[in-house]
């Protein structure tokens, strides 16, 4: 008997913490809905996103990688997601043709209904731009019928950009506020796993509350307390104007 494949969502995260702060609630929500939730970390963020680790005496690059990997694995487990690390390096993140092929292979294996990634232009962190461009390019290649005939092409998954740290400077205009109230405790647990960036826990807790207020003001249920904001890349298709 063949088991039916679960629907899938996939995150392409520049660094090993990005998926937690920006999309942790969404990943926990979809895991609870029975989705196959997959995270691809392009780097560990070992150079530029591990402030807490580099304060420790004798820290090395390999030690920072190991620490960040352990944190991200614990966070993914808290969210109910699987996680893959490509170890491409950070600051800067460079995605060569071989690395792109690895991202394409991950997409073809996941067959995602939705892809989540960074905004197109973040002037503070160009690694995020690289992850965005790689996601769109890998999506294009993964759709090609003539690419790697041993695997199946993907369909046309929506790409949603999660909220950057300084949205106004990144041209981020959210057109989706997702209610994560029911799973915020799981997001909080995942955030608390990220000891190397513990200073961000309160920031993203507060941001979730602000986006929750906005969700209610935009017609959402009065029960919404926390939300995450997204901006779609592609149009949604429907039969009604709403």
C-alpha atoms as a PDB file:
ATOM      1  CA  UNK A   1       0.000   0.000   0.000  1.00  0.00           C
ATOM      2  CA  UNK A   2       1.374   3.420  -0.960  1.00  0.00           C
ATOM      3  CA  UNK A   3       1.126   6.103   1.674  1.00  0.00           C
ATOM      4  CA  UNK A   4      -0.275   9.398   0.409  1.00  0.00           C
ATOM      5  CA  UNK A   5       2.340  12.172   0.383  1.00  0.00           C
ATOM      6  CA  UNK A   6       1.676  14.949   2.843  1.00  0.00           C
ATOM      7  CA  UNK A   7       1.438  18.523   1.529  1.00  0.00           C
ATOM      8  CA  UNK A   8       4.674  20.413   2.063  1.00  0.00           C
ATOM      9  CA  UNK A   9       5.951  23.900   2.778  1.00  0.00           C
ATOM     10  CA  UNK A  10       9.626  24.794   2.592  1.00  0.00           C
ATOM     11  CA  UNK A  11      11.753  27.624   3.952  1.00  0.00           C
ATOM     12  CA  UNK A  12      14.964  28.834   2.339  1.00  0.00           C
ATOM     13  CA  UNK A  13      16.761  30.576   5.205  1.00  0.00           C
ATOM     14  CA  UNK A  14      20.007  32.478   4.665  1.00  0.00           C
ATOM     15  CA  UNK A  15      21.232  31.814   8.206  1.00  0.00           C
ATOM     16  CA  UNK A  16      20.323  29.245  10.823  1.00  0.00           C
ATOM     17  CA  UNK A  17      18.281  31.662  12.936  1.00  0.00           C
ATOM     18  CA  UNK A  18      16.275  33.515  10.307  1.00  0.00           C
ATOM     19  CA  UNK A  19      13.498  30.957   9.991  1.00  0.00           C
ATOM     20  CA  UNK A  20      12.885  31.052  13.749  1.00  0.00           C
ATOM     21  CA  UNK A  21      12.420  34.803  14.190  1.00  0.00           C
ATOM     22  CA  UNK A  22      10.517  35.497  11.006  1.00  0.00           C
ATOM     23  CA  UNK A  23       8.455  32.385  10.293  1.00  0.00           C
ATOM     24  CA  UNK A  24       8.549  30.179  13.402  1.00  0.00           C
ATOM     25  CA  UNK A  25       4.860  30.583  14.146  1.00  0.00           C
ATOM     26  CA  UNK A  26       3.872  29.753  10.594  1.00  0.00           C
ATOM     27  CA  UNK A  27       6.025  26.620  10.567  1.00  0.00           C
ATOM     28  CA  UNK A  28       4.531  25.416  13.860  1.00  0.00           C
ATOM     29  CA  UNK A  29       1.015  26.141  12.595  1.00  0.00           C
ATOM     30  CA  UNK A  30       1.490  24.146   9.409  1.00  0.00           C
ATOM     31  CA  UNK A  31       3.189  21.302  11.251  1.00  0.00           C
ATOM     32  CA  UNK A  32       0.093  21.065  13.461  1.00  0.00           C
ATOM     33  CA  UNK A  33      -2.032  20.953  10.308  1.00  0.00           C
ATOM     34  CA  UNK A  34      -0.144  17.851   9.183  1.00  0.00           C
ATOM     35  CA  UNK A  35       2.152  19.435   6.603  1.00  0.00           C
ATOM     36  CA  UNK A  36       5.647  18.206   5.877  1.00  0.00           C
ATOM     37  CA  UNK A  37       7.543  21.317   7.021  1.00  0.00           C
ATOM     38  CA  UNK A  38      11.093  21.538   5.702  1.00  0.00           C
ATOM     39  CA  UNK A  39      13.791  24.096   6.455  1.00  0.00           C
ATOM     40  CA  UNK A  40      16.882  24.622   4.302  1.00  0.00           C
ATOM     41  CA  UNK A  41      19.575  26.725   6.003  1.00  0.00           C
ATOM     42  CA  UNK A  42      22.042  28.016   3.458  1.00  0.00           C
ATOM     43  CA  UNK A  43      24.562  28.874   6.172  1.00  0.00           C
ATOM     44  CA  UNK A  44      24.944  28.559   9.920  1.00  0.00           C
ATOM     45  CA  UNK A  45      25.417  32.307  10.281  1.00  0.00           C
ATOM     46  CA  UNK A  46      28.657  31.450  12.007  1.00  0.00           C
ATOM     47  CA  UNK A  47      30.536  34.666  11.228  1.00  0.00           C
ATOM     48  CA  UNK A  48      27.961  37.405  11.368  1.00  0.00           C
ATOM     49  CA  UNK A  49      24.945  36.026  13.244  1.00  0.00           C
ATOM     50  CA  UNK A  50      26.522  34.383  16.285  1.00  0.00           C
ATOM     51  CA  UNK A  51      27.278  37.299  18.555  1.00  0.00           C
ATOM     52  CA  UNK A  52      26.715  35.348  21.755  1.00  0.00           C
ATOM     53  CA  UNK A  53      29.070  32.556  20.730  1.00  0.00           C
ATOM     54  CA  UNK A  54      31.939  34.855  19.762  1.00  0.00           C
ATOM     55  CA  UNK A  55      31.913  36.351  23.272  1.00  0.00           C
ATOM     56  CA  UNK A  56      33.082  32.985  24.596  1.00  0.00           C
ATOM     57  CA  UNK A  57      36.824  32.548  25.125  1.00  0.00           C
ATOM     58  CA  UNK A  58      38.524  30.354  22.553  1.00  0.00           C
ATOM     59  CA  UNK A  59      35.605  30.283  20.118  1.00  0.00           C
ATOM     60  CA  UNK A  60      36.518  29.019  16.634  1.00  0.00           C
ATOM     61  CA  UNK A  61      34.695  29.038  13.325  1.00  0.00           C
ATOM     62  CA  UNK A  62      33.966  25.317  13.584  1.00  0.00           C
ATOM     63  CA  UNK A  63      32.819  25.773  17.153  1.00  0.00           C
ATOM     64  CA  UNK A  64      30.439  28.532  16.084  1.00  0.00           C
ATOM     65  CA  UNK A  65      29.056  26.312  13.332  1.00  0.00           C
ATOM     66  CA  UNK A  66      28.488  23.456  15.758  1.00  0.00           C
ATOM     67  CA  UNK A  67      26.791  25.736  18.258  1.00  0.00           C
ATOM     68  CA  UNK A  68      24.504  27.263  15.659  1.00  0.00           C
ATOM     69  CA  UNK A  69      23.630  23.861  14.221  1.00  0.00           C
ATOM     70  CA  UNK A  70      22.637  22.552  17.652  1.00  0.00           C
ATOM     71  CA  UNK A  71      20.481  25.618  18.314  1.00  0.00           C
ATOM     72  CA  UNK A  72      18.732  25.418  14.939  1.00  0.00           C
ATOM     73  CA  UNK A  73      18.087  21.681  15.278  1.00  0.00           C
ATOM     74  CA  UNK A  74      16.490  22.225  18.681  1.00  0.00           C
ATOM     75  CA  UNK A  75      14.382  25.082  17.310  1.00  0.00           C
ATOM     76  CA  UNK A  76      13.227  23.033  14.311  1.00  0.00           C
ATOM     77  CA  UNK A  77      12.238  20.192  16.634  1.00  0.00           C
ATOM     78  CA  UNK A  78      10.229  22.611  18.774  1.00  0.00           C
ATOM     79  CA  UNK A  79       8.378  23.766  15.653  1.00  0.00           C
ATOM     80  CA  UNK A  80       7.774  20.257  14.291  1.00  0.00           C
ATOM     81  CA  UNK A  81       9.955  20.746  11.215  1.00  0.00           C
ATOM     82  CA  UNK A  82      12.854  18.926   9.561  1.00  0.00           C
ATOM     83  CA  UNK A  83      16.038  20.849   8.804  1.00  0.00           C
ATOM     84  CA  UNK A  84      18.902  20.629   6.304  1.00  0.00           C
ATOM     85  CA  UNK A  85      22.143  22.622   6.404  1.00  0.00           C
ATOM     86  CA  UNK A  86      24.045  23.429   3.211  1.00  0.00           C
ATOM     87  CA  UNK A  87      26.979  25.128   5.014  1.00  0.00           C
ATOM     88  CA  UNK A  88      27.662  27.712   2.300  1.00  0.00           C
ATOM     89  CA  UNK A  89      29.263  30.270   4.609  1.00  0.00           C
ATOM     90  CA  UNK A  90      28.005  33.723   5.554  1.00  0.00           C
ATOM     91  CA  UNK A  91      29.080  37.345   5.462  1.00  0.00           C
ATOM     92  CA  UNK A  92      29.109  36.999   2.567  1.00  0.00           C
ATOM     93  CA  UNK A  93      26.829  34.178   1.487  1.00  0.00           C
ATOM     94  CA  UNK A  94      27.924  33.039  -1.964  1.00  0.00           C
ATOM     95  CA  UNK A  95      25.763  30.674  -3.995  1.00  0.00           C
ATOM     96  CA  UNK A  96      27.665  29.063  -6.851  1.00  0.00           C
ATOM     97  CA  UNK A  97      26.168  26.713  -9.492  1.00  0.00           C
ATOM     98  CA  UNK A  98      26.844  23.627  -7.373  1.00  0.00           C
ATOM     99  CA  UNK A  99      25.083  25.193  -4.387  1.00  0.00           C
ATOM    100  CA  UNK A 100      22.148  26.176  -6.579  1.00  0.00           C
ATOM    101  CA  UNK A 101      21.836  22.578  -7.754  1.00  0.00           C
ATOM    102  CA  UNK A 102      21.662  21.480  -4.128  1.00  0.00           C
ATOM    103  CA  UNK A 103      18.815  23.916  -3.454  1.00  0.00           C
ATOM    104  CA  UNK A 104      16.997  22.683  -6.558  1.00  0.00           C
ATOM    105  CA  UNK A 105      17.384  19.090  -5.345  1.00  0.00           C
ATOM    106  CA  UNK A 106      15.891  20.038  -1.973  1.00  0.00           C
ATOM    107  CA  UNK A 107      12.926  21.672  -3.695  1.00  0.00           C
ATOM    108  CA  UNK A 108      12.319  18.669  -5.941  1.00  0.00           C
ATOM    109  CA  UNK A 109      12.468  16.361  -2.951  1.00  0.00           C
ATOM    110  CA  UNK A 110       9.996  18.503  -0.988  1.00  0.00           C
ATOM    111  CA  UNK A 111       7.570  19.334  -3.826  1.00  0.00           C
ATOM    112  CA  UNK A 112       6.419  22.358  -1.783  1.00  0.00           C
ATOM    113  CA  UNK A 113       3.056  24.019  -2.113  1.00  0.00           C
ATOM    114  CA  UNK A 114       4.547  27.210  -0.647  1.00  0.00           C
ATOM    115  CA  UNK A 115       8.098  28.560  -0.402  1.00  0.00           C
ATOM    116  CA  UNK A 116       9.090  31.033   2.307  1.00  0.00           C
ATOM    117  CA  UNK A 117      12.194  33.192   2.104  1.00  0.00           C
ATOM    118  CA  UNK A 118      13.699  36.651   2.525  1.00  0.00           C
ATOM    119  CA  UNK A 119      12.810  39.944   0.864  1.00  0.00           C
ATOM    120  CA  UNK A 120      14.447  40.888  -2.415  1.00  0.00           C
ATOM    121  CA  UNK A 121      16.378  43.885  -1.120  1.00  0.00           C
ATOM    122  CA  UNK A 122      17.756  44.240   2.390  1.00  0.00           C
ATOM    123  CA  UNK A 123      20.387  46.996   2.498  1.00  0.00           C
ATOM    124  CA  UNK A 124      21.580  45.868   5.921  1.00  0.00           C
ATOM    125  CA  UNK A 125      22.222  42.234   5.071  1.00  0.00           C
ATOM    126  CA  UNK A 126      23.031  41.277   1.503  1.00  0.00           C
ATOM    127  CA  UNK A 127      23.056  37.593   2.442  1.00  0.00           C
ATOM    128  CA  UNK A 128      19.265  37.897   2.581  1.00  0.00           C
ATOM    129  CA  UNK A 129      19.184  39.239  -0.979  1.00  0.00           C
ATOM    130  CA  UNK A 130      21.288  36.300  -2.128  1.00  0.00           C
ATOM    131  CA  UNK A 131      18.896  33.842  -0.479  1.00  0.00           C
ATOM    132  CA  UNK A 132      15.903  35.512  -2.122  1.00  0.00           C
ATOM    133  CA  UNK A 133      17.456  35.414  -5.589  1.00  0.00           C
ATOM    134  CA  UNK A 134      18.586  31.819  -5.122  1.00  0.00           C
ATOM    135  CA  UNK A 135      15.061  30.816  -4.095  1.00  0.00           C
ATOM    136  CA  UNK A 136      13.506  32.307  -7.217  1.00  0.00           C
ATOM    137  CA  UNK A 137      16.185  30.894  -9.506  1.00  0.00           C
ATOM    138  CA  UNK A 138      16.033  27.446  -7.908  1.00  0.00           C
ATOM    139  CA  UNK A 139      12.228  27.503  -8.203  1.00  0.00           C
ATOM    140  CA  UNK A 140      12.588  28.231 -11.924  1.00  0.00           C
ATOM    141  CA  UNK A 141      15.100  25.423 -12.464  1.00  0.00           C
ATOM    142  CA  UNK A 142      13.125  22.980 -10.306  1.00  0.00           C
ATOM    143  CA  UNK A 143      10.116  23.510 -12.598  1.00  0.00           C
ATOM    144  CA  UNK A 144      12.063  22.528 -15.721  1.00  0.00           C
ATOM    145  CA  UNK A 145      10.982  19.172 -17.158  1.00  0.00           C
ATOM    146  CA  UNK A 146      14.420  18.634 -18.685  1.00  0.00           C
ATOM    147  CA  UNK A 147      16.385  19.136 -15.459  1.00  0.00           C
ATOM    148  CA  UNK A 148      17.590  15.929 -13.777  1.00  0.00           C
ATOM    149  CA  UNK A 149      15.220  13.385 -15.272  1.00  0.00           C
ATOM    150  CA  UNK A 150      15.641  11.154 -12.205  1.00  0.00           C
ATOM    151  CA  UNK A 151      13.525  13.594 -10.171  1.00  0.00           C
ATOM    152  CA  UNK A 152      10.146  15.219 -10.728  1.00  0.00           C
ATOM    153  CA  UNK A 153       9.606  18.896 -11.530  1.00  0.00           C
ATOM    154  CA  UNK A 154       7.788  21.006  -8.966  1.00  0.00           C
ATOM    155  CA  UNK A 155       4.606  22.908  -9.734  1.00  0.00           C
ATOM    156  CA  UNK A 156       4.228  26.657  -9.245  1.00  0.00           C
ATOM    157  CA  UNK A 157       4.467  27.201  -5.486  1.00  0.00           C
ATOM    158  CA  UNK A 158       3.708  30.639  -4.154  1.00  0.00           C
ATOM    159  CA  UNK A 159       6.747  32.443  -2.735  1.00  0.00           C
ATOM    160  CA  UNK A 160       6.074  34.492   0.382  1.00  0.00           C
ATOM    161  CA  UNK A 161       8.675  36.846   1.796  1.00  0.00           C
ATOM    162  CA  UNK A 162       8.842  36.990   5.563  1.00  0.00           C
ATOM    163  CA  UNK A 163       9.310  40.205   7.468  1.00  0.00           C
ATOM    164  CA  UNK A 164      12.842  41.648   7.604  1.00  0.00           C
ATOM    165  CA  UNK A 165      14.263  43.182  10.755  1.00  0.00           C
ATOM    166  CA  UNK A 166      13.875  46.740   9.454  1.00  0.00           C
ATOM    167  CA  UNK A 167      10.938  46.496   7.026  1.00  0.00           C
ATOM    168  CA  UNK A 168      10.688  50.166   6.095  1.00  0.00           C
ATOM    169  CA  UNK A 169      14.221  50.143   4.674  1.00  0.00           C
ATOM    170  CA  UNK A 170      13.539  46.982   2.664  1.00  0.00           C
ATOM    171  CA  UNK A 171      10.394  48.038   0.814  1.00  0.00           C
ATOM    172  CA  UNK A 172       8.415  45.397   2.700  1.00  0.00           C
ATOM    173  CA  UNK A 173       4.667  45.900   2.248  1.00  0.00           C
ATOM    174  CA  UNK A 174       2.818  42.975   3.858  1.00  0.00           C
ATOM    175  CA  UNK A 175      -0.277  41.664   2.119  1.00  0.00           C
ATOM    176  CA  UNK A 176      -0.805  38.720   4.453  1.00  0.00           C
ATOM    177  CA  UNK A 177      -1.097  38.728   8.244  1.00  0.00           C
ATOM    178  CA  UNK A 178      -1.146  35.153   9.489  1.00  0.00           C
ATOM    179  CA  UNK A 179      -2.697  34.347  12.858  1.00  0.00           C
ATOM    180  CA  UNK A 180      -0.178  32.357  14.935  1.00  0.00           C
ATOM    181  CA  UNK A 181      -1.839  32.827  18.327  1.00  0.00           C
ATOM    182  CA  UNK A 182      -2.537  29.126  18.857  1.00  0.00           C
ATOM    183  CA  UNK A 183       1.110  28.151  18.346  1.00  0.00           C
ATOM    184  CA  UNK A 184       2.953  31.149  19.701  1.00  0.00           C
ATOM    185  CA  UNK A 185       4.124  29.152  22.710  1.00  0.00           C
ATOM    186  CA  UNK A 186       5.970  26.858  20.305  1.00  0.00           C
ATOM    187  CA  UNK A 187       7.528  29.815  18.495  1.00  0.00           C
ATOM    188  CA  UNK A 188       8.640  31.252  21.828  1.00  0.00           C
ATOM    189  CA  UNK A 189      10.218  27.907  22.764  1.00  0.00           C
ATOM    190  CA  UNK A 190      12.037  27.806  19.419  1.00  0.00           C
ATOM    191  CA  UNK A 191      13.284  31.381  19.826  1.00  0.00           C
ATOM    192  CA  UNK A 192      14.630  30.553  23.266  1.00  0.00           C
ATOM    193  CA  UNK A 193      16.750  27.813  21.673  1.00  0.00           C
ATOM    194  CA  UNK A 194      18.728  30.477  19.785  1.00  0.00           C
ATOM    195  CA  UNK A 195      21.158  31.427  22.537  1.00  0.00           C
ATOM    196  CA  UNK A 196      23.662  33.034  20.167  1.00  0.00           C
ATOM    197  CA  UNK A 197      21.062  35.706  19.360  1.00  0.00           C
ATOM    198  CA  UNK A 198      19.066  35.791  22.582  1.00  0.00           C
ATOM    199  CA  UNK A 199      18.751  39.582  22.317  1.00  0.00           C
ATOM    200  CA  UNK A 200      16.182  39.066  19.529  1.00  0.00           C
ATOM    201  CA  UNK A 201      13.659  37.052  21.547  1.00  0.00           C
ATOM    202  CA  UNK A 202      11.875  40.049  23.082  1.00  0.00           C
ATOM    203  CA  UNK A 203      11.992  42.017  19.826  1.00  0.00           C
ATOM    204  CA  UNK A 204      10.166  39.311  17.877  1.00  0.00           C
ATOM    205  CA  UNK A 205       7.761  38.654  20.742  1.00  0.00           C
ATOM    206  CA  UNK A 206       6.775  42.334  20.631  1.00  0.00           C
ATOM    207  CA  UNK A 207       6.580  42.313  16.839  1.00  0.00           C
ATOM    208  CA  UNK A 208       4.177  39.375  16.930  1.00  0.00           C
ATOM    209  CA  UNK A 209       1.888  41.346  19.246  1.00  0.00           C
ATOM    210  CA  UNK A 210       1.958  44.432  16.993  1.00  0.00           C
ATOM    211  CA  UNK A 211       1.145  42.367  13.920  1.00  0.00           C
ATOM    212  CA  UNK A 212      -1.634  40.681  15.907  1.00  0.00           C
ATOM    213  CA  UNK A 213      -3.221  44.061  16.639  1.00  0.00           C
ATOM    214  CA  UNK A 214      -3.010  44.935  12.956  1.00  0.00           C
ATOM    215  CA  UNK A 215      -4.579  41.606  11.969  1.00  0.00           C
ATOM    216  CA  UNK A 216      -7.633  42.361  14.129  1.00  0.00           C
ATOM    217  CA  UNK A 217      -7.878  45.898  12.741  1.00  0.00           C
ATOM    218  CA  UNK A 218      -7.810  44.467   9.201  1.00  0.00           C
ATOM    219  CA  UNK A 219     -10.871  42.315   9.795  1.00  0.00           C
ATOM    220  CA  UNK A 220      -9.379  39.327  11.598  1.00  0.00           C
ATOM    221  CA  UNK A 221     -10.981  37.563  14.519  1.00  0.00           C
ATOM    222  CA  UNK A 222     -10.969  39.395  17.846  1.00  0.00           C
ATOM    223  CA  UNK A 223      -9.190  36.389  19.321  1.00  0.00           C
ATOM    224  CA  UNK A 224      -5.983  37.067  17.368  1.00  0.00           C
ATOM    225  CA  UNK A 225      -3.134  38.054  19.689  1.00  0.00           C
ATOM    226  CA  UNK A 226       0.011  37.268  17.653  1.00  0.00           C
ATOM    227  CA  UNK A 227       0.572  37.270  13.908  1.00  0.00           C
ATOM    228  CA  UNK A 228       3.384  37.099  11.351  1.00  0.00           C
ATOM    229  CA  UNK A 229       3.538  39.343   8.292  1.00  0.00           C
ATOM    230  CA  UNK A 230       4.283  38.258   4.725  1.00  0.00           C
ATOM    231  CA  UNK A 231       4.477  39.716   1.239  1.00  0.00           C
ATOM    232  CA  UNK A 232       3.606  37.495  -1.706  1.00  0.00           C
ATOM    233  CA  UNK A 233       5.785  37.490  -4.814  1.00  0.00           C
ATOM    234  CA  UNK A 234       3.195  36.063  -7.221  1.00  0.00           C
ATOM    235  CA  UNK A 235      -0.505  36.847  -7.605  1.00  0.00           C
ATOM    236  CA  UNK A 236      -3.079  34.617  -5.995  1.00  0.00           C
ATOM    237  CA  UNK A 237      -5.741  33.165  -8.285  1.00  0.00           C
ATOM    238  CA  UNK A 238      -9.410  33.238  -7.389  1.00  0.00           C
ATOM    239  CA  UNK A 239     -12.936  33.745  -8.645  1.00  0.00           C
ATOM    240  CA  UNK A 240     -13.879  36.633  -6.357  1.00  0.00           C
ATOM    241  CA  UNK A 241     -12.579  40.108  -5.581  1.00  0.00           C
ATOM    242  CA  UNK A 242     -11.803  39.882  -1.883  1.00  0.00           C
END
